[in-house]
Amino acid sequence: MRRRPPRAVPGVTATPLLKSAAPVIPAALALALTSLPGFAAADPAPVRYPAGATAFQANCAVCHGAKGAGTPSLAPPVTSYPARYAANDEGRKQLAMTVLNGMFGGIEVEQKHFDFKMPEFIQLDDATLAGVLNFVVFDLDHAADDVKPIAAEEIAAERAHPVDGAAVREHRSKLLATLGL
């Protein structure tokens, strides 16, 4: 049996049904799934530091991943220690030193070894670096509410005392020992 092509109707453009329904299908499916018990999607928490998130995606995500989970054999996750660091004066110093001066050499994070070279981001201004660190500490690592945000002035204080990446790693080792990590 031969099929006949559809007849043209003056003033109406013919579009295949599936093609015209394509944008509606995913939305309808999502609505149907979220109405089922146990399938309600949790709303993601709003980003507290959107400017920091933007700078993180532009400068850090290529190695640490969009959600800070790290990249095996390349870069460690930034969702393990930053919140703990931000609750401690030496830890806050470590965060600032790391973004300003970079870090190189072997480190352990979550029982995984990383031997990498994190670049320095000294070319970024203090407010941008503070925003990135606050995004990491509060949005990615979910620091406690009693942890105060990192201020641009803290970045500026460390900028006045540049060190190399090996010194940053050494400071990190001492900090981890004092934190019992």
N, C-alpha and C. Protein backbone atom coordinates (compact mmCIF):
# COMPACT_ATOMS: atom_id res chain seq x y z
N MET A 1 0.83 -1.17 0.00
CA MET A 1 0.00 0.00 0.00
C MET A 1 0.88 1.24 0.00
N ARG A 2 0.63 2.14 -0.90
CA ARG A 2 1.39 3.38 -1.02
C ARG A 2 0.77 4.47 -0.17
N ARG A 3 1.65 5.21 0.49
CA ARG A 3 1.17 6.35 1.28
C ARG A 3 1.16 7.59 0.40
N ARG A 4 0.17 8.40 0.61
CA ARG A 4 0.11 9.66 -0.10
C ARG A 4 0.68 10.75 0.78
N PRO A 5 1.41 11.68 0.19
CA PRO A 5 1.89 12.81 1.01
C PRO A 5 0.71 13.62 1.51
N PRO A 6 0.87 14.25 2.68
CA PRO A 6 -0.23 15.06 3.20
C PRO A 6 -0.55 16.21 2.27
N ARG A 7 -1.85 16.60 2.26
CA ARG A 7 -2.26 17.71 1.42
C ARG A 7 -1.90 19.03 2.07
N ALA A 8 -1.49 19.96 1.28
CA ALA A 8 -1.16 21.29 1.77
C ALA A 8 -2.44 22.05 2.06
N VAL A 9 -2.43 22.76 3.20
CA VAL A 9 -3.55 23.62 3.57
C VAL A 9 -3.06 25.04 3.42
N PRO A 10 -3.78 25.87 2.64
CA PRO A 10 -3.32 27.25 2.43
C PRO A 10 -3.14 27.99 3.76
N GLY A 11 -1.98 28.64 3.92
CA GLY A 11 -1.68 29.45 5.10
C GLY A 11 -1.14 28.66 6.29
N VAL A 12 -0.98 27.34 6.18
CA VAL A 12 -0.48 26.52 7.27
C VAL A 12 0.79 25.83 6.82
N THR A 13 1.83 25.95 7.62
CA THR A 13 3.09 25.29 7.31
C THR A 13 3.08 23.93 7.98
N ALA A 14 3.35 22.91 7.24
CA ALA A 14 3.35 21.56 7.78
C ALA A 14 4.66 21.28 8.50
N THR A 15 4.56 20.77 9.73
CA THR A 15 5.74 20.33 10.47
C THR A 15 5.43 18.95 11.02
N PRO A 16 6.39 18.09 11.01
CA PRO A 16 6.15 16.76 11.57
C PRO A 16 5.76 16.87 13.05
N LEU A 17 4.83 16.03 13.48
CA LEU A 17 4.32 16.08 14.84
C LEU A 17 5.43 15.95 15.88
N LEU A 18 6.32 14.99 15.72
CA LEU A 18 7.38 14.81 16.72
C LEU A 18 8.32 15.99 16.78
N LYS A 19 8.59 16.59 15.62
CA LYS A 19 9.49 17.74 15.61
C LYS A 19 8.87 18.91 16.36
N SER A 20 7.59 19.16 16.15
CA SER A 20 6.95 20.30 16.81
C SER A 20 6.72 20.02 18.29
N ALA A 21 6.59 18.75 18.66
CA ALA A 21 6.35 18.40 20.06
C ALA A 21 7.65 18.22 20.85
N ALA A 22 8.79 18.18 20.16
CA ALA A 22 10.06 17.89 20.83
C ALA A 22 10.35 18.77 22.05
N PRO A 23 10.13 20.10 21.99
CA PRO A 23 10.43 20.89 23.18
C PRO A 23 9.47 20.61 24.34
N VAL A 24 8.28 20.13 24.04
CA VAL A 24 7.28 19.91 25.07
C VAL A 24 7.51 18.58 25.80
N ILE A 25 8.00 17.59 25.10
CA ILE A 25 8.15 16.25 25.67
C ILE A 25 9.04 16.23 26.91
N PRO A 26 10.25 16.80 26.88
CA PRO A 26 11.08 16.76 28.10
C PRO A 26 10.43 17.48 29.28
N ALA A 27 9.77 18.60 29.03
CA ALA A 27 9.13 19.34 30.12
C ALA A 27 7.98 18.53 30.71
N ALA A 28 7.20 17.90 29.85
CA ALA A 28 6.09 17.08 30.33
C ALA A 28 6.61 15.88 31.11
N LEU A 29 7.67 15.27 30.63
CA LEU A 29 8.26 14.12 31.31
C LEU A 29 8.79 14.54 32.69
N ALA A 30 9.47 15.65 32.75
CA ALA A 30 9.99 16.14 34.03
C ALA A 30 8.87 16.43 35.00
N LEU A 31 7.80 17.05 34.52
CA LEU A 31 6.65 17.34 35.38
C LEU A 31 6.03 16.05 35.89
N ALA A 32 5.88 15.07 35.00
CA ALA A 32 5.30 13.79 35.41
C ALA A 32 6.18 13.10 36.45
N LEU A 33 7.48 13.10 36.25
CA LEU A 33 8.37 12.43 37.20
C LEU A 33 8.37 13.12 38.55
N THR A 34 8.38 14.44 38.57
CA THR A 34 8.43 15.15 39.85
C THR A 34 7.13 15.04 40.63
N SER A 35 6.05 14.65 39.97
CA SER A 35 4.80 14.48 40.69
C SER A 35 4.69 13.10 41.33
N LEU A 36 5.58 12.17 40.97
CA LEU A 36 5.58 10.84 41.57
C LEU A 36 6.25 10.89 42.94
N PRO A 37 5.72 10.11 43.92
CA PRO A 37 6.37 10.09 45.24
C PRO A 37 7.82 9.61 45.12
N GLY A 38 8.72 10.27 45.81
CA GLY A 38 10.13 9.87 45.80
C GLY A 38 10.93 10.44 44.64
N PHE A 39 10.28 11.09 43.70
CA PHE A 39 10.99 11.64 42.54
C PHE A 39 11.08 13.15 42.58
N ALA A 40 10.63 13.77 43.63
CA ALA A 40 10.69 15.23 43.70
C ALA A 40 12.14 15.66 43.68
N ALA A 41 12.48 16.49 42.73
CA ALA A 41 13.86 16.98 42.61
C ALA A 41 14.13 18.04 43.66
N ALA A 42 15.23 17.92 44.35
CA ALA A 42 15.61 18.92 45.34
C ALA A 42 16.13 20.15 44.62
N ASP A 43 15.67 21.30 45.08
CA ASP A 43 16.17 22.54 44.50
C ASP A 43 17.61 22.72 44.93
N PRO A 44 18.50 23.01 43.97
CA PRO A 44 19.88 23.25 44.37
C PRO A 44 19.97 24.53 45.20
N ALA A 45 20.87 24.53 46.14
CA ALA A 45 21.06 25.71 46.97
C ALA A 45 21.54 26.87 46.10
N PRO A 46 21.05 28.06 46.36
CA PRO A 46 21.52 29.20 45.57
C PRO A 46 23.00 29.46 45.84
N VAL A 47 23.69 29.92 44.84
CA VAL A 47 25.12 30.23 44.96
C VAL A 47 25.25 31.52 45.76
N ARG A 48 26.01 31.47 46.83
CA ARG A 48 26.20 32.64 47.69
C ARG A 48 27.20 33.63 47.09
N TYR A 49 28.15 33.11 46.32
CA TYR A 49 29.21 33.95 45.77
C TYR A 49 29.24 33.79 44.25
N PRO A 50 28.27 34.39 43.53
CA PRO A 50 28.19 34.20 42.08
C PRO A 50 29.40 34.75 41.32
N ALA A 51 29.95 35.87 41.74
CA ALA A 51 31.14 36.40 41.05
C ALA A 51 32.32 35.45 41.25
N GLY A 52 32.43 34.89 42.44
CA GLY A 52 33.47 33.89 42.71
C GLY A 52 33.26 32.63 41.89
N ALA A 53 32.00 32.24 41.71
CA ALA A 53 31.69 31.06 40.89
C ALA A 53 32.12 31.28 39.45
N THR A 54 31.85 32.47 38.94
CA THR A 54 32.23 32.80 37.56
C THR A 54 33.75 32.76 37.40
N ALA A 55 34.46 33.35 38.34
CA ALA A 55 35.93 33.36 38.27
C ALA A 55 36.49 31.95 38.45
N PHE A 56 35.86 31.15 39.31
CA PHE A 56 36.29 29.76 39.50
C PHE A 56 36.13 28.98 38.20
N GLN A 57 34.99 29.13 37.56
CA GLN A 57 34.75 28.40 36.30
C GLN A 57 35.75 28.83 35.23
N ALA A 58 36.10 30.10 35.21
CA ALA A 58 37.03 30.61 34.19
C ALA A 58 38.48 30.24 34.45
N ASN A 59 38.86 30.05 35.71
CA ASN A 59 40.27 29.87 36.04
C ASN A 59 40.63 28.55 36.72
N CYS A 60 39.70 27.93 37.40
CA CYS A 60 40.02 26.78 38.25
C CYS A 60 39.37 25.48 37.79
N ALA A 61 38.20 25.58 37.20
CA ALA A 61 37.42 24.39 36.87
C ALA A 61 38.11 23.49 35.85
N VAL A 62 38.96 24.06 35.01
CA VAL A 62 39.64 23.25 34.01
C VAL A 62 40.46 22.13 34.68
N CYS A 63 40.98 22.37 35.85
CA CYS A 63 41.75 21.35 36.58
C CYS A 63 40.94 20.72 37.72
N HIS A 64 40.28 21.56 38.52
CA HIS A 64 39.59 21.07 39.71
C HIS A 64 38.17 20.60 39.43
N GLY A 65 37.67 20.80 38.21
CA GLY A 65 36.32 20.39 37.86
C GLY A 65 35.30 21.46 38.20
N ALA A 66 34.19 21.47 37.48
CA ALA A 66 33.16 22.49 37.66
C ALA A 66 32.60 22.51 39.07
N LYS A 67 32.54 21.35 39.72
CA LYS A 67 32.00 21.28 41.08
C LYS A 67 33.09 21.09 42.12
N GLY A 68 34.36 21.26 41.71
CA GLY A 68 35.47 21.20 42.64
C GLY A 68 35.86 19.80 43.07
N ALA A 69 35.38 18.78 42.38
CA ALA A 69 35.64 17.40 42.79
C ALA A 69 37.03 16.91 42.39
N GLY A 70 37.79 17.73 41.67
CA GLY A 70 39.14 17.36 41.27
C GLY A 70 39.15 16.53 40.01
N THR A 71 40.36 16.28 39.53
CA THR A 71 40.57 15.47 38.34
C THR A 71 41.63 14.44 38.70
N PRO A 72 41.29 13.14 38.62
CA PRO A 72 42.26 12.12 39.00
C PRO A 72 43.62 12.32 38.33
N SER A 73 44.65 12.18 39.10
CA SER A 73 46.04 12.28 38.66
C SER A 73 46.42 13.68 38.18
N LEU A 74 45.52 14.64 38.26
CA LEU A 74 45.85 15.99 37.82
C LEU A 74 45.74 17.00 38.97
N ALA A 75 44.55 17.16 39.51
CA ALA A 75 44.33 18.17 40.54
C ALA A 75 43.41 17.63 41.62
N PRO A 76 43.71 17.95 42.88
CA PRO A 76 42.90 17.43 43.99
C PRO A 76 41.54 18.11 44.07
N PRO A 77 40.61 17.49 44.79
CA PRO A 77 39.33 18.15 45.02
C PRO A 77 39.54 19.35 45.93
N VAL A 78 38.69 20.35 45.75
CA VAL A 78 38.72 21.51 46.64
C VAL A 78 37.49 21.49 47.54
N THR A 79 36.95 20.29 47.72
CA THR A 79 35.77 20.11 48.57
C THR A 79 36.11 19.35 49.84
N SER A 80 37.38 19.24 50.15
CA SER A 80 37.80 18.47 51.32
C SER A 80 38.33 19.31 52.47
N TYR A 81 39.18 20.28 52.21
CA TYR A 81 39.86 21.02 53.28
C TYR A 81 39.54 22.52 53.35
N PRO A 82 39.15 23.19 52.28
CA PRO A 82 39.02 24.64 52.37
C PRO A 82 38.11 25.16 53.48
N ALA A 83 37.00 24.50 53.76
CA ALA A 83 36.12 24.98 54.84
C ALA A 83 36.83 24.89 56.19
N ARG A 84 37.61 23.83 56.37
CA ARG A 84 38.38 23.69 57.62
C ARG A 84 39.47 24.74 57.69
N TYR A 85 40.12 25.01 56.57
CA TYR A 85 41.15 26.04 56.53
C TYR A 85 40.57 27.41 56.89
N ALA A 86 39.40 27.71 56.35
CA ALA A 86 38.81 29.04 56.54
C ALA A 86 38.41 29.31 57.98
N ALA A 87 38.32 28.27 58.80
CA ALA A 87 37.96 28.44 60.20
C ALA A 87 39.19 28.68 61.08
N ASN A 88 40.36 28.82 60.47
CA ASN A 88 41.63 28.90 61.19
C ASN A 88 42.49 29.99 60.55
N ASP A 89 43.13 30.82 61.34
CA ASP A 89 43.95 31.92 60.78
C ASP A 89 45.03 31.42 59.83
N GLU A 90 45.76 30.39 60.22
CA GLU A 90 46.81 29.86 59.34
C GLU A 90 46.21 29.20 58.10
N GLY A 91 45.03 28.64 58.25
CA GLY A 91 44.35 28.05 57.10
C GLY A 91 43.91 29.11 56.10
N ARG A 92 43.43 30.23 56.60
CA ARG A 92 43.03 31.34 55.73
C ARG A 92 44.26 31.87 54.98
N LYS A 93 45.37 31.93 55.70
CA LYS A 93 46.62 32.33 55.07
C LYS A 93 46.99 31.34 53.97
N GLN A 94 46.82 30.04 54.25
CA GLN A 94 47.12 29.01 53.26
C GLN A 94 46.28 29.19 51.99
N LEU A 95 45.01 29.44 52.16
CA LEU A 95 44.14 29.63 51.00
C LEU A 95 44.63 30.80 50.14
N ALA A 96 44.93 31.92 50.81
CA ALA A 96 45.41 33.11 50.07
C ALA A 96 46.75 32.83 49.40
N MET A 97 47.66 32.20 50.13
CA MET A 97 48.99 31.89 49.56
C MET A 97 48.85 30.99 48.32
N THR A 98 47.95 30.03 48.40
CA THR A 98 47.80 29.07 47.31
C THR A 98 47.31 29.73 46.04
N VAL A 99 46.26 30.56 46.14
CA VAL A 99 45.75 31.19 44.91
C VAL A 99 46.70 32.24 44.37
N LEU A 100 47.42 32.91 45.25
CA LEU A 100 48.35 33.95 44.79
C LEU A 100 49.63 33.37 44.18
N ASN A 101 50.20 32.37 44.83
CA ASN A 101 51.54 31.89 44.47
C ASN A 101 51.56 30.53 43.79
N GLY A 102 50.42 29.84 43.75
CA GLY A 102 50.40 28.49 43.20
C GLY A 102 51.03 27.53 44.19
N MET A 103 51.14 26.28 43.76
CA MET A 103 51.76 25.27 44.62
C MET A 103 52.24 24.14 43.73
N PHE A 104 53.38 23.57 44.08
CA PHE A 104 53.83 22.41 43.32
C PHE A 104 54.46 21.39 44.23
N GLY A 105 54.47 20.16 43.74
CA GLY A 105 55.01 19.06 44.51
C GLY A 105 53.91 18.11 44.94
N GLY A 106 54.29 17.03 45.54
CA GLY A 106 53.35 16.00 45.93
C GLY A 106 52.56 16.36 47.18
N ILE A 107 51.27 16.08 47.14
CA ILE A 107 50.38 16.24 48.30
C ILE A 107 49.42 15.06 48.34
N GLU A 108 48.85 14.84 49.51
CA GLU A 108 47.82 13.81 49.69
C GLU A 108 46.52 14.52 50.03
N VAL A 109 45.45 14.10 49.37
CA VAL A 109 44.11 14.58 49.68
C VAL A 109 43.19 13.38 49.59
N GLU A 110 42.46 13.12 50.67
CA GLU A 110 41.54 11.99 50.73
C GLU A 110 42.24 10.67 50.36
N GLN A 111 43.38 10.44 50.91
CA GLN A 111 44.19 9.24 50.67
C GLN A 111 44.57 9.05 49.20
N LYS A 112 44.58 10.12 48.45
CA LYS A 112 45.03 10.05 47.05
C LYS A 112 46.20 11.00 46.88
N HIS A 113 47.18 10.55 46.11
CA HIS A 113 48.38 11.35 45.89
C HIS A 113 48.23 12.18 44.62
N PHE A 114 48.63 13.43 44.72
CA PHE A 114 48.66 14.34 43.58
C PHE A 114 50.04 14.96 43.52
N ASP A 115 50.64 14.97 42.37
CA ASP A 115 51.93 15.61 42.17
C ASP A 115 51.74 16.52 40.97
N PHE A 116 51.46 17.75 41.26
CA PHE A 116 51.05 18.67 40.20
C PHE A 116 51.68 20.04 40.41
N LYS A 117 51.41 20.91 39.48
CA LYS A 117 51.84 22.30 39.60
C LYS A 117 50.62 23.18 39.40
N MET A 118 50.14 23.71 40.49
CA MET A 118 49.04 24.67 40.39
C MET A 118 49.63 26.01 40.03
N PRO A 119 49.07 26.67 39.01
CA PRO A 119 49.63 27.97 38.63
C PRO A 119 49.28 29.05 39.65
N GLU A 120 50.04 30.09 39.60
CA GLU A 120 49.75 31.26 40.43
C GLU A 120 48.66 32.07 39.74
N PHE A 121 47.86 32.77 40.53
CA PHE A 121 46.82 33.64 39.98
C PHE A 121 47.01 35.06 40.50
N ILE A 122 48.27 35.46 40.59
CA ILE A 122 48.63 36.78 41.10
C ILE A 122 48.09 37.91 40.21
N GLN A 123 47.80 37.57 38.95
CA GLN A 123 47.28 38.59 38.03
C GLN A 123 45.84 38.98 38.34
N LEU A 124 45.11 38.16 39.10
CA LEU A 124 43.74 38.49 39.48
C LEU A 124 43.75 39.41 40.69
N ASP A 125 42.79 40.32 40.75
CA ASP A 125 42.76 41.29 41.85
C ASP A 125 42.29 40.62 43.15
N ASP A 126 42.53 41.30 44.25
CA ASP A 126 42.25 40.75 45.58
C ASP A 126 40.78 40.40 45.77
N ALA A 127 39.87 41.25 45.29
CA ALA A 127 38.44 40.99 45.44
C ALA A 127 38.03 39.74 44.66
N THR A 128 38.58 39.57 43.47
CA THR A 128 38.26 38.39 42.67
C THR A 128 38.75 37.13 43.36
N LEU A 129 39.98 37.14 43.86
CA LEU A 129 40.52 35.97 44.54
C LEU A 129 39.75 35.66 45.82
N ALA A 130 39.36 36.70 46.57
CA ALA A 130 38.53 36.48 47.76
C ALA A 130 37.20 35.86 47.36
N GLY A 131 36.62 36.33 46.26
CA GLY A 131 35.35 35.76 45.79
C GLY A 131 35.48 34.30 45.41
N VAL A 132 36.57 33.97 44.72
CA VAL A 132 36.82 32.57 44.35
C VAL A 132 36.94 31.71 45.61
N LEU A 133 37.74 32.16 46.56
CA LEU A 133 37.91 31.39 47.79
C LEU A 133 36.61 31.25 48.56
N ASN A 134 35.80 32.31 48.61
CA ASN A 134 34.52 32.22 49.30
C ASN A 134 33.57 31.26 48.58
N PHE A 135 33.61 31.25 47.26
CA PHE A 135 32.81 30.28 46.50
C PHE A 135 33.24 28.86 46.86
N VAL A 136 34.55 28.63 46.89
CA VAL A 136 35.06 27.30 47.22
C VAL A 136 34.69 26.92 48.66
N VAL A 137 34.94 27.81 49.59
CA VAL A 137 34.72 27.53 51.02
C VAL A 137 33.23 27.35 51.35
N PHE A 138 32.39 28.22 50.83
CA PHE A 138 30.98 28.22 51.24
C PHE A 138 30.05 27.49 50.26
N ASP A 139 30.28 27.65 48.97
CA ASP A 139 29.38 27.03 48.00
C ASP A 139 29.78 25.60 47.65
N LEU A 140 31.07 25.33 47.55
CA LEU A 140 31.51 23.98 47.19
C LEU A 140 31.78 23.11 48.42
N ASP A 141 32.46 23.66 49.44
CA ASP A 141 32.84 22.86 50.60
C ASP A 141 31.88 23.05 51.78
N HIS A 142 30.93 23.95 51.66
CA HIS A 142 29.85 24.13 52.63
C HIS A 142 30.34 24.37 54.06
N ALA A 143 31.12 25.42 54.22
CA ALA A 143 31.62 25.79 55.56
C ALA A 143 30.45 26.12 56.49
N ALA A 144 30.70 25.96 57.76
CA ALA A 144 29.70 26.28 58.78
C ALA A 144 29.37 27.77 58.74
N ASP A 145 28.18 28.09 59.23
CA ASP A 145 27.73 29.48 59.21
C ASP A 145 28.58 30.41 60.07
N ASP A 146 29.28 29.86 61.05
CA ASP A 146 30.10 30.72 61.92
C ASP A 146 31.47 31.06 61.32
N VAL A 147 31.79 30.49 60.16
CA VAL A 147 33.05 30.83 59.47
C VAL A 147 32.85 32.15 58.74
N LYS A 148 33.77 33.08 58.99
CA LYS A 148 33.62 34.39 58.34
C LYS A 148 34.19 34.33 56.91
N PRO A 149 33.56 35.06 56.00
CA PRO A 149 34.06 35.10 54.62
C PRO A 149 35.47 35.68 54.55
N ILE A 150 36.19 35.26 53.56
CA ILE A 150 37.54 35.76 53.33
C ILE A 150 37.44 37.14 52.68
N ALA A 151 38.18 38.08 53.22
CA ALA A 151 38.12 39.46 52.73
C ALA A 151 39.27 39.74 51.76
N ALA A 152 39.04 40.68 50.88
CA ALA A 152 40.07 41.09 49.92
C ALA A 152 41.32 41.56 50.65
N GLU A 153 41.16 42.14 51.84
CA GLU A 153 42.29 42.62 52.62
C GLU A 153 43.21 41.47 53.05
N GLU A 154 42.63 40.30 53.28
CA GLU A 154 43.45 39.14 53.64
C GLU A 154 44.31 38.70 52.45
N ILE A 155 43.75 38.80 51.26
CA ILE A 155 44.51 38.46 50.05
C ILE A 155 45.63 39.49 49.87
N ALA A 156 45.30 40.76 50.07
CA ALA A 156 46.29 41.83 49.92
C ALA A 156 47.45 41.65 50.90
N ALA A 157 47.14 41.22 52.11
CA ALA A 157 48.20 41.01 53.12
C ALA A 157 49.17 39.93 52.66
N GLU A 158 48.66 38.87 52.07
CA GLU A 158 49.54 37.81 51.57
C GLU A 158 50.25 38.22 50.29
N ARG A 159 49.61 39.04 49.49
CA ARG A 159 50.24 39.52 48.25
C ARG A 159 51.51 40.30 48.57
N ALA A 160 51.54 40.95 49.73
CA ALA A 160 52.71 41.74 50.14
C ALA A 160 53.90 40.86 50.51
N HIS A 161 53.67 39.54 50.65
CA HIS A 161 54.74 38.61 51.04
C HIS A 161 54.79 37.43 50.07
N PRO A 162 55.22 37.67 48.83
CA PRO A 162 55.22 36.57 47.86
C PRO A 162 56.20 35.46 48.24
N VAL A 163 55.80 34.23 47.94
CA VAL A 163 56.65 33.05 48.15
C VAL A 163 56.53 32.17 46.92
N ASP A 164 57.34 31.13 46.85
CA ASP A 164 57.20 30.23 45.71
C ASP A 164 56.27 29.08 46.07
N GLY A 165 55.91 28.29 45.06
CA GLY A 165 54.97 27.19 45.24
C GLY A 165 55.44 26.12 46.20
N ALA A 166 56.75 25.93 46.31
CA ALA A 166 57.28 24.95 47.27
C ALA A 166 57.04 25.42 48.70
N ALA A 167 57.18 26.71 48.96
CA ALA A 167 56.93 27.26 50.30
C ALA A 167 55.45 27.15 50.65
N VAL A 168 54.59 27.30 49.66
CA VAL A 168 53.15 27.15 49.88
C VAL A 168 52.84 25.71 50.31
N ARG A 169 53.45 24.75 49.63
CA ARG A 169 53.25 23.34 49.96
C ARG A 169 53.78 23.04 51.36
N GLU A 170 54.93 23.59 51.71
CA GLU A 170 55.51 23.39 53.04
C GLU A 170 54.60 23.97 54.12
N HIS A 171 54.06 25.16 53.89
CA HIS A 171 53.12 25.77 54.84
C HIS A 171 51.90 24.87 54.99
N ARG A 172 51.43 24.31 53.91
CA ARG A 172 50.28 23.39 53.93
C ARG A 172 50.58 22.17 54.80
N SER A 173 51.76 21.61 54.67
CA SER A 173 52.13 20.43 55.47
C SER A 173 52.08 20.74 56.97
N LYS A 174 52.60 21.88 57.35
CA LYS A 174 52.58 22.28 58.77
C LYS A 174 51.14 22.52 59.23
N LEU A 175 50.34 23.14 58.38
CA LEU A 175 48.94 23.42 58.73
C LEU A 175 48.18 22.10 58.94
N LEU A 176 48.36 21.16 58.04
CA LEU A 176 47.67 19.87 58.16
C LEU A 176 48.03 19.17 59.47
N ALA A 177 49.30 19.27 59.85
CA ALA A 177 49.74 18.65 61.11
C ALA A 177 49.04 19.30 62.31
N THR A 178 48.92 20.61 62.29
CA THR A 178 48.26 21.29 63.42
C THR A 178 46.76 21.02 63.45
N LEU A 179 46.16 20.78 62.27
CA LEU A 179 44.72 20.48 62.21
C LEU A 179 44.44 19.00 62.41
N GLY A 180 45.47 18.20 62.44
CA GLY A 180 45.29 16.76 62.61
C GLY A 180 44.73 16.09 61.38
N LEU A 181 45.06 16.63 60.23
CA LEU A 181 44.56 16.04 58.97
C LEU A 181 45.66 15.26 58.25
